[in-house]
Amino acid sequence: MHASSIFFTLYALLGFATTSVFAIPTVQSGAVAARSNADIKATLDTLQTTTSSIIPQIDSAVASGHTDEETYAPLLENLNAALTTAKDSLSGLSARAIVSRQSQDEIAQQTAAIVESINKSVDHIPGGHGHGHTGVLVGALTHLLYDLLWNLEHLLPGIVATLVFLLKDVVGVVVALLLTLLGILTK
């Protein structure tokens, strides 16, 4: 029995060694490279540039007393398109990262500024919380903001905790995101 035990052990070791040699993973040309926080920052820079041209138009329309959907619908559609582009860009990034705490804080501050700016302007749109076309667009905008924050949390774990302190007006969105991440709510 002792000889069979030694034979089995040698056979197992030889099999493991052979398998290990032939099973070494190779890097393929389509492999996803690690990203840096600069990739996320570039996406947020583009989003901020786009929204900074749309938000003043919304604020101007609100200040002028416009109440018609025709005024706000194109602006909200442009805002939704910008958020969709940013969300899609973030979801295409690898979660594998070279992370810097300083850049993560900068990303959190920039995200807070973008979300706060959108929230302040959209909150004053007449009929923005109703059931008309404007209300539907605002609802879609809310969902896109949620998706954007979810993608950021996936890429930079802990960023939502930082955003809780930076965002005072949209804590509800952040709390909903946290509850979803904890599995208490479903998306």
C-alpha atoms as a PDB file:
ATOM      1  CA  MET A   1       0.000   0.000   0.000  1.00  0.00           C
ATOM      2  CA  HIS A   2       2.840   2.285   0.685  1.00  0.00           C
ATOM      3  CA  ALA A   3       4.105   1.976  -2.898  1.00  0.00           C
ATOM      4  CA  SER A   4       0.674   2.810  -4.332  1.00  0.00           C
ATOM      5  CA  SER A   5       0.448   5.868  -2.107  1.00  0.00           C
ATOM      6  CA  ILE A   6       3.849   7.076  -3.353  1.00  0.00           C
ATOM      7  CA  PHE A   7       2.861   6.315  -6.957  1.00  0.00           C
ATOM      8  CA  PHE A   8      -0.411   8.287  -6.536  1.00  0.00           C
ATOM      9  CA  THR A   9       1.443  11.241  -5.005  1.00  0.00           C
ATOM     10  CA  LEU A  10       4.026  11.315  -7.808  1.00  0.00           C
ATOM     11  CA  TYR A  11       1.279  10.961 -10.420  1.00  0.00           C
ATOM     12  CA  ALA A  12      -0.688  13.829  -8.833  1.00  0.00           C
ATOM     13  CA  LEU A  13       2.382  16.074  -8.639  1.00  0.00           C
ATOM     14  CA  LEU A  14       3.362  15.291 -12.220  1.00  0.00           C
ATOM     15  CA  GLY A  15      -0.195  15.973 -13.377  1.00  0.00           C
ATOM     16  CA  PHE A  16      -0.343  19.250 -11.458  1.00  0.00           C
ATOM     17  CA  ALA A  17       3.056  20.366 -12.779  1.00  0.00           C
ATOM     18  CA  THR A  18       2.111  19.519 -16.360  1.00  0.00           C
ATOM     19  CA  THR A  19      -1.257  21.216 -16.059  1.00  0.00           C
ATOM     20  CA  SER A  20       0.319  24.284 -14.483  1.00  0.00           C
ATOM     21  CA  VAL A  21       2.828  24.625 -17.299  1.00  0.00           C
ATOM     22  CA  PHE A  22       0.192  24.368 -19.987  1.00  0.00           C
ATOM     23  CA  ALA A  23      -2.492  26.352 -18.162  1.00  0.00           C
ATOM     24  CA  ILE A  24      -0.522  29.547 -17.703  1.00  0.00           C
ATOM     25  CA  PRO A  25      -2.815  32.352 -18.822  1.00  0.00           C
ATOM     26  CA  THR A  26      -1.575  34.428 -21.692  1.00  0.00           C
ATOM     27  CA  VAL A  27      -2.267  38.069 -22.334  1.00  0.00           C
ATOM     28  CA  GLN A  28      -4.561  38.451 -25.284  1.00  0.00           C
ATOM     29  CA  SER A  29      -4.664  41.432 -27.580  1.00  0.00           C
ATOM     30  CA  GLY A  30      -8.231  42.253 -26.473  1.00  0.00           C
ATOM     31  CA  ALA A  31      -7.409  42.215 -22.762  1.00  0.00           C
ATOM     32  CA  VAL A  32      -8.661  45.137 -20.705  1.00  0.00           C
ATOM     33  CA  ALA A  33      -5.868  47.288 -19.331  1.00  0.00           C
ATOM     34  CA  ALA A  34      -5.974  48.889 -15.927  1.00  0.00           C
ATOM     35  CA  ARG A  35      -7.322  52.404 -16.049  1.00  0.00           C
ATOM     36  CA  SER A  36      -6.252  55.388 -14.040  1.00  0.00           C
ATOM     37  CA  ASN A  37      -8.523  57.880 -12.379  1.00  0.00           C
ATOM     38  CA  ALA A  38      -7.606  60.243 -15.224  1.00  0.00           C
ATOM     39  CA  ASP A  39      -9.952  58.217 -17.449  1.00  0.00           C
ATOM     40  CA  ILE A  40     -12.844  58.918 -15.089  1.00  0.00           C
ATOM     41  CA  LYS A  41     -11.818  62.557 -14.713  1.00  0.00           C
ATOM     42  CA  ALA A  42     -11.763  62.996 -18.506  1.00  0.00           C
ATOM     43  CA  THR A  43     -15.317  61.659 -18.732  1.00  0.00           C
ATOM     44  CA  LEU A  44     -16.471  63.985 -15.950  1.00  0.00           C
ATOM     45  CA  ASP A  45     -14.662  66.939 -17.560  1.00  0.00           C
ATOM     46  CA  THR A  46     -16.594  66.329 -20.774  1.00  0.00           C
ATOM     47  CA  LEU A  47     -19.856  65.997 -18.846  1.00  0.00           C
ATOM     48  CA  GLN A  48     -19.178  69.182 -16.903  1.00  0.00           C
ATOM     49  CA  THR A  49     -18.346  71.119 -20.076  1.00  0.00           C
ATOM     50  CA  THR A  50     -21.540  69.926 -21.743  1.00  0.00           C
ATOM     51  CA  THR A  51     -23.793  70.560 -18.754  1.00  0.00           C
ATOM     52  CA  SER A  52     -22.266  73.982 -18.121  1.00  0.00           C
ATOM     53  CA  SER A  53     -23.621  75.098 -21.483  1.00  0.00           C
ATOM     54  CA  ILE A  54     -27.104  73.609 -20.910  1.00  0.00           C
ATOM     55  CA  ILE A  55     -27.713  74.583 -17.265  1.00  0.00           C
ATOM     56  CA  PRO A  56     -27.546  78.382 -17.867  1.00  0.00           C
ATOM     57  CA  GLN A  57     -30.161  78.006 -20.620  1.00  0.00           C
ATOM     58  CA  ILE A  58     -32.484  76.202 -18.203  1.00  0.00           C
ATOM     59  CA  ASP A  59     -31.861  78.829 -15.512  1.00  0.00           C
ATOM     60  CA  SER A  60     -32.541  81.609 -18.018  1.00  0.00           C
ATOM     61  CA  ALA A  61     -35.816  80.018 -19.141  1.00  0.00           C
ATOM     62  CA  VAL A  62     -36.929  79.614 -15.521  1.00  0.00           C
ATOM     63  CA  ALA A  63     -35.970  83.229 -14.714  1.00  0.00           C
ATOM     64  CA  SER A  64     -37.916  84.429 -17.781  1.00  0.00           C
ATOM     65  CA  GLY A  65     -41.016  82.679 -16.514  1.00  0.00           C
ATOM     66  CA  HIS A  66     -41.362  80.155 -19.350  1.00  0.00           C
ATOM     67  CA  THR A  67     -43.779  77.391 -18.437  1.00  0.00           C
ATOM     68  CA  ASP A  68     -44.162  75.566 -21.749  1.00  0.00           C
ATOM     69  CA  GLU A  69     -42.700  72.122 -22.369  1.00  0.00           C
ATOM     70  CA  GLU A  70     -41.354  73.214 -25.759  1.00  0.00           C
ATOM     71  CA  THR A  71     -38.823  75.408 -23.962  1.00  0.00           C
ATOM     72  CA  TYR A  72     -37.549  72.772 -21.553  1.00  0.00           C
ATOM     73  CA  ALA A  73     -37.874  69.506 -23.505  1.00  0.00           C
ATOM     74  CA  PRO A  74     -34.897  70.075 -25.866  1.00  0.00           C
ATOM     75  CA  LEU A  75     -32.712  71.245 -22.984  1.00  0.00           C
ATOM     76  CA  LEU A  76     -33.619  68.234 -20.859  1.00  0.00           C
ATOM     77  CA  GLU A  77     -33.071  65.918 -23.824  1.00  0.00           C
ATOM     78  CA  ASN A  78     -29.581  67.413 -24.283  1.00  0.00           C
ATOM     79  CA  LEU A  79     -28.897  66.971 -20.576  1.00  0.00           C
ATOM     80  CA  ASN A  80     -30.110  63.357 -20.741  1.00  0.00           C
ATOM     81  CA  ALA A  81     -27.889  62.732 -23.781  1.00  0.00           C
ATOM     82  CA  ALA A  82     -24.853  64.141 -21.950  1.00  0.00           C
ATOM     83  CA  LEU A  83     -25.525  61.968 -18.908  1.00  0.00           C
ATOM     84  CA  THR A  84     -26.097  58.903 -21.089  1.00  0.00           C
ATOM     85  CA  THR A  85     -22.774  59.473 -22.843  1.00  0.00           C
ATOM     86  CA  ALA A  86     -20.964  59.854 -19.507  1.00  0.00           C
ATOM     87  CA  LYS A  87     -22.688  56.801 -18.034  1.00  0.00           C
ATOM     88  CA  ASP A  88     -21.826  54.684 -21.072  1.00  0.00           C
ATOM     89  CA  SER A  89     -18.250  55.917 -21.028  1.00  0.00           C
ATOM     90  CA  LEU A  90     -17.863  55.041 -17.341  1.00  0.00           C
ATOM     91  CA  SER A  91     -19.458  51.637 -17.747  1.00  0.00           C
ATOM     92  CA  GLY A  92     -16.911  50.873 -20.471  1.00  0.00           C
ATOM     93  CA  LEU A  93     -13.973  51.405 -18.117  1.00  0.00           C
ATOM     94  CA  SER A  94     -12.238  48.577 -16.311  1.00  0.00           C
ATOM     95  CA  ALA A  95     -12.747  48.295 -12.577  1.00  0.00           C
ATOM     96  CA  ARG A  96      -9.065  47.342 -12.341  1.00  0.00           C
ATOM     97  CA  ALA A  97      -7.345  50.556 -11.495  1.00  0.00           C
ATOM     98  CA  ILE A  98      -4.309  52.480 -10.524  1.00  0.00           C
ATOM     99  CA  VAL A  99      -5.897  54.580  -7.789  1.00  0.00           C
ATOM    100  CA  SER A 100      -4.803  57.780  -6.128  1.00  0.00           C
ATOM    101  CA  ARG A 101      -6.731  59.011  -3.087  1.00  0.00           C
ATOM    102  CA  GLN A 102      -6.172  62.649  -4.077  1.00  0.00           C
ATOM    103  CA  SER A 103      -7.628  62.147  -7.538  1.00  0.00           C
ATOM    104  CA  GLN A 104     -10.548  60.205  -6.041  1.00  0.00           C
ATOM    105  CA  ASP A 105     -11.360  63.196  -3.813  1.00  0.00           C
ATOM    106  CA  GLU A 106     -11.137  65.509  -6.838  1.00  0.00           C
ATOM    107  CA  ILE A 107     -13.496  63.216  -8.745  1.00  0.00           C
ATOM    108  CA  ALA A 108     -15.923  63.239  -5.813  1.00  0.00           C
ATOM    109  CA  GLN A 109     -15.858  67.045  -5.670  1.00  0.00           C
ATOM    110  CA  GLN A 110     -16.360  67.364  -9.417  1.00  0.00           C
ATOM    111  CA  THR A 111     -19.213  64.840  -9.366  1.00  0.00           C
ATOM    112  CA  ALA A 112     -20.841  66.690  -6.489  1.00  0.00           C
ATOM    113  CA  ALA A 113     -20.604  69.980  -8.400  1.00  0.00           C
ATOM    114  CA  ILE A 114     -22.161  68.438 -11.521  1.00  0.00           C
ATOM    115  CA  VAL A 115     -24.997  66.711  -9.663  1.00  0.00           C
ATOM    116  CA  GLU A 116     -25.722  69.753  -7.506  1.00  0.00           C
ATOM    117  CA  SER A 117     -25.805  72.072 -10.515  1.00  0.00           C
ATOM    118  CA  ILE A 118     -28.182  69.795 -12.423  1.00  0.00           C
ATOM    119  CA  ASN A 119     -30.376  69.295  -9.372  1.00  0.00           C
ATOM    120  CA  LYS A 120     -30.684  73.027  -8.608  1.00  0.00           C
ATOM    121  CA  SER A 121     -31.643  73.960 -12.164  1.00  0.00           C
ATOM    122  CA  VAL A 122     -34.014  71.089 -12.859  1.00  0.00           C
ATOM    123  CA  ASP A 123     -35.741  71.527  -9.506  1.00  0.00           C
ATOM    124  CA  HIS A 124     -37.055  74.944 -10.625  1.00  0.00           C
ATOM    125  CA  ILE A 125     -38.504  73.811 -13.964  1.00  0.00           C
ATOM    126  CA  PRO A 126     -42.282  74.314 -13.979  1.00  0.00           C
ATOM    127  CA  GLY A 127     -43.964  70.938 -14.397  1.00  0.00           C
ATOM    128  CA  GLY A 128     -40.685  69.126 -13.860  1.00  0.00           C
ATOM    129  CA  HIS A 129     -42.215  66.931 -11.226  1.00  0.00           C
ATOM    130  CA  GLY A 130     -45.456  66.332 -13.117  1.00  0.00           C
ATOM    131  CA  HIS A 131     -46.597  63.655 -15.507  1.00  0.00           C
ATOM    132  CA  GLY A 132     -46.184  65.514 -18.810  1.00  0.00           C
ATOM    133  CA  HIS A 133     -43.284  65.195 -21.209  1.00  0.00           C
ATOM    134  CA  THR A 134     -41.136  67.430 -19.006  1.00  0.00           C
ATOM    135  CA  GLY A 135     -41.874  65.236 -15.989  1.00  0.00           C
ATOM    136  CA  VAL A 136     -40.892  62.128 -17.942  1.00  0.00           C
ATOM    137  CA  LEU A 137     -37.620  63.762 -19.017  1.00  0.00           C
ATOM    138  CA  VAL A 138     -36.855  64.805 -15.439  1.00  0.00           C
ATOM    139  CA  GLY A 139     -37.590  61.239 -14.294  1.00  0.00           C
ATOM    140  CA  ALA A 140     -35.193  59.902 -16.928  1.00  0.00           C
ATOM    141  CA  LEU A 141     -32.621  62.448 -15.801  1.00  0.00           C
ATOM    142  CA  THR A 142     -32.949  61.254 -12.208  1.00  0.00           C
ATOM    143  CA  HIS A 143     -32.457  57.656 -13.323  1.00  0.00           C
ATOM    144  CA  LEU A 144     -29.379  58.621 -15.367  1.00  0.00           C
ATOM    145  CA  LEU A 145     -27.867  60.467 -12.402  1.00  0.00           C
ATOM    146  CA  TYR A 146     -28.453  57.360 -10.314  1.00  0.00           C
ATOM    147  CA  ASP A 147     -26.758  55.176 -12.966  1.00  0.00           C
ATOM    148  CA  LEU A 148     -23.839  57.598 -13.182  1.00  0.00           C
ATOM    149  CA  LEU A 149     -23.336  57.428  -9.413  1.00  0.00           C
ATOM    150  CA  TRP A 150     -23.676  53.638  -9.457  1.00  0.00           C
ATOM    151  CA  ASN A 151     -20.982  53.377 -12.141  1.00  0.00           C
ATOM    152  CA  LEU A 152     -18.703  55.693 -10.188  1.00  0.00           C
ATOM    153  CA  GLU A 153     -19.154  53.589  -7.043  1.00  0.00           C
ATOM    154  CA  HIS A 154     -18.327  50.476  -9.051  1.00  0.00           C
ATOM    155  CA  LEU A 155     -15.135  52.070 -10.374  1.00  0.00           C
ATOM    156  CA  LEU A 156     -14.146  53.908  -7.199  1.00  0.00           C
ATOM    157  CA  PRO A 157     -15.466  52.033  -4.158  1.00  0.00           C
ATOM    158  CA  GLY A 158     -16.158  54.469  -1.346  1.00  0.00           C
ATOM    159  CA  ILE A 159     -16.812  57.503  -3.514  1.00  0.00           C
ATOM    160  CA  VAL A 160     -20.488  57.499  -2.529  1.00  0.00           C
ATOM    161  CA  ALA A 161     -19.503  57.877   1.122  1.00  0.00           C
ATOM    162  CA  THR A 162     -17.517  60.977   0.146  1.00  0.00           C
ATOM    163  CA  LEU A 163     -20.427  62.285  -1.928  1.00  0.00           C
ATOM    164  CA  VAL A 164     -22.797  61.994   1.056  1.00  0.00           C
ATOM    165  CA  PHE A 165     -20.805  64.738   2.759  1.00  0.00           C
ATOM    166  CA  LEU A 166     -20.471  66.866  -0.378  1.00  0.00           C
ATOM    167  CA  LEU A 167     -24.068  66.676  -1.595  1.00  0.00           C
ATOM    168  CA  LYS A 168     -26.620  68.206   0.673  1.00  0.00           C
ATOM    169  CA  ASP A 169     -29.579  68.606  -1.700  1.00  0.00           C
ATOM    170  CA  VAL A 170     -29.475  65.178  -3.310  1.00  0.00           C
ATOM    171  CA  VAL A 171     -28.855  63.023  -0.277  1.00  0.00           C
ATOM    172  CA  GLY A 172     -31.961  61.038  -1.211  1.00  0.00           C
ATOM    173  CA  VAL A 173     -30.316  59.874  -4.442  1.00  0.00           C
ATOM    174  CA  VAL A 174     -27.146  58.930  -2.623  1.00  0.00           C
ATOM    175  CA  VAL A 175     -29.018  57.134   0.167  1.00  0.00           C
ATOM    176  CA  ALA A 176     -31.020  55.193  -2.427  1.00  0.00           C
ATOM    177  CA  LEU A 177     -27.762  54.247  -4.118  1.00  0.00           C
ATOM    178  CA  LEU A 178     -26.250  53.109  -0.829  1.00  0.00           C
ATOM    179  CA  LEU A 179     -29.312  51.045   0.001  1.00  0.00           C
ATOM    180  CA  THR A 180     -29.131  49.444  -3.422  1.00  0.00           C
ATOM    181  CA  LEU A 181     -25.458  48.648  -3.008  1.00  0.00           C
ATOM    182  CA  LEU A 182     -26.200  47.087   0.357  1.00  0.00           C
ATOM    183  CA  GLY A 183     -28.892  44.971  -1.258  1.00  0.00           C
ATOM    184  CA  ILE A 184     -31.763  46.585   0.633  1.00  0.00           C
ATOM    185  CA  LEU A 185     -33.296  48.124  -2.489  1.00  0.00           C
ATOM    186  CA  THR A 186     -33.243  46.796  -6.015  1.00  0.00           C
ATOM    187  CA  LYS A 187     -32.344  48.947  -8.974  1.00  0.00           C
END
